[in-house]
Amino acid sequence: MSESELLSKLNPKNVHFEVPRGYGMSVIKLYFWVGLVSAILLRVIIIADHYSAFYAKVIWYLGVAGYLWFFMHRYHIAKRRFSVINDLELLKKVQNQQNLSEKRY
């Protein structure tokens, strides 16, 4: 394959990029509740520490594990958004004030 054929295949006009599907409402609610419960657990540590150091540690681990899960999900969403913007070259099009197709919009 010649270099010009290879470059024509890499042309963004020839690339068919599929925008990822969004999450269902049940998944969105799950991550919302994981984040909310984790935040509450990390604040309840102060109260639990007065009663038992063991319960305070358990609550701390549950809260931190929930936060890790929640923020890993948020990181995944941010990566997906960045890749969509990058792959569709939306930033260039907005800066050049080009009209966007319905799919890109």
Protein backbone atom coordinates (compact mmCIF):
# COMPACT_ATOMS: atom_id res chain seq x y z
CA MET A 1 0.00 0.00 0.00
CA SER A 2 1.42 3.36 -1.01
CA GLU A 3 1.78 6.27 1.35
CA SER A 4 -0.89 8.34 -0.42
CA GLU A 5 -3.42 5.48 -0.12
CA LEU A 6 -2.62 5.17 3.56
CA LEU A 7 -3.04 8.91 4.11
CA SER A 8 -6.36 8.95 2.25
CA LYS A 9 -7.63 6.23 4.58
CA LEU A 10 -6.57 8.32 7.59
CA ASN A 11 -8.46 11.34 6.33
CA PRO A 12 -11.01 12.35 9.03
CA LYS A 13 -13.74 12.51 6.36
CA ASN A 14 -13.28 8.77 5.77
CA VAL A 15 -13.41 7.88 9.45
CA HIS A 16 -16.81 6.74 10.68
CA PHE A 17 -16.84 7.57 14.36
CA GLU A 18 -19.70 6.41 16.51
CA VAL A 19 -20.72 8.59 19.44
CA PRO A 20 -20.93 6.40 22.56
CA ARG A 21 -24.34 5.71 24.02
CA GLY A 22 -25.31 7.26 27.30
CA TYR A 23 -26.05 5.36 30.46
CA GLY A 24 -29.52 4.29 31.56
CA MET A 25 -31.26 6.11 34.38
CA SER A 26 -30.73 3.18 36.76
CA VAL A 27 -26.94 3.37 36.31
CA ILE A 28 -26.96 7.13 36.77
CA LYS A 29 -28.99 6.78 39.97
CA LEU A 30 -26.68 4.02 41.23
CA TYR A 31 -23.59 6.22 40.92
CA PHE A 32 -25.43 9.18 42.43
CA TRP A 33 -26.34 7.12 45.51
CA VAL A 34 -22.84 5.62 45.77
CA GLY A 35 -21.37 9.13 45.81
CA LEU A 36 -23.94 10.45 48.27
CA VAL A 37 -23.67 7.53 50.69
CA SER A 38 -19.86 7.69 50.54
CA ALA A 39 -19.91 11.39 51.39
CA ILE A 40 -22.24 10.77 54.33
CA LEU A 41 -20.15 7.84 55.58
CA LEU A 42 -17.00 9.94 55.61
CA ARG A 43 -18.77 12.51 57.78
CA VAL A 44 -20.25 9.92 60.13
CA ILE A 45 -16.71 8.79 61.04
CA ILE A 46 -16.52 11.59 63.63
CA ILE A 47 -19.60 10.27 65.43
CA ALA A 48 -18.62 6.59 65.08
CA ASP A 49 -15.15 7.28 66.51
CA HIS A 50 -16.72 8.30 69.84
CA TYR A 51 -18.35 4.87 70.15
CA SER A 52 -15.87 2.45 68.62
CA ALA A 53 -12.59 2.73 66.72
CA PHE A 54 -13.46 -0.46 64.86
CA TYR A 55 -16.72 0.97 63.47
CA ALA A 56 -14.96 4.19 62.57
CA LYS A 57 -12.40 2.22 60.52
CA VAL A 58 -15.09 0.15 58.81
CA ILE A 59 -17.04 3.28 57.91
CA TRP A 60 -13.87 4.96 56.68
CA TYR A 61 -13.01 2.04 54.39
CA LEU A 62 -16.56 1.88 53.03
CA GLY A 63 -16.60 5.62 52.40
CA VAL A 64 -13.23 5.65 50.66
CA ALA A 65 -14.10 2.57 48.56
CA GLY A 66 -17.36 4.23 47.50
CA TYR A 67 -15.55 7.44 46.58
CA LEU A 68 -12.99 5.51 44.56
CA TRP A 69 -15.73 3.72 42.66
CA PHE A 70 -17.67 6.95 42.08
CA PHE A 71 -14.67 8.96 40.90
CA MET A 72 -13.39 6.16 38.67
CA HIS A 73 -16.76 6.33 36.96
CA ARG A 74 -16.51 10.12 36.65
CA TYR A 75 -13.00 9.76 35.19
CA HIS A 76 -14.32 7.26 32.63
CA ILE A 77 -17.06 9.72 31.60
CA ALA A 78 -14.54 12.57 31.28
CA LYS A 79 -12.32 10.40 29.06
CA ARG A 80 -15.28 9.51 26.85
CA ARG A 81 -16.28 13.15 26.49
CA PHE A 82 -12.73 14.17 25.63
CA SER A 83 -12.42 11.43 23.00
CA VAL A 84 -15.73 12.41 21.36
CA ILE A 85 -14.70 16.08 21.20
CA ASN A 86 -11.25 15.12 19.91
CA ASP A 87 -12.38 12.51 17.37
CA LEU A 88 -15.07 14.73 15.86
CA GLU A 89 -12.72 17.76 15.92
CA LEU A 90 -15.47 19.79 17.58
CA LEU A 91 -13.13 22.29 19.24
CA LYS A 92 -11.65 23.33 15.87
CA LYS A 93 -15.10 23.63 14.34
CA VAL A 94 -16.39 25.79 17.19
CA GLN A 95 -13.29 28.01 17.11
CA ASN A 96 -13.68 28.43 13.33
CA GLN A 97 -17.41 29.04 13.83
CA GLN A 98 -18.35 26.31 11.38
CA ASN A 99 -21.85 24.94 11.22
CA LEU A 100 -22.19 21.55 12.89
CA SER A 101 -24.17 18.70 11.42
CA GLU A 102 -27.05 17.32 13.45
CA LYS A 103 -24.99 14.25 14.41
CA ARG A 104 -22.04 16.32 15.60
CA TYR A 105 -24.30 18.75 17.43
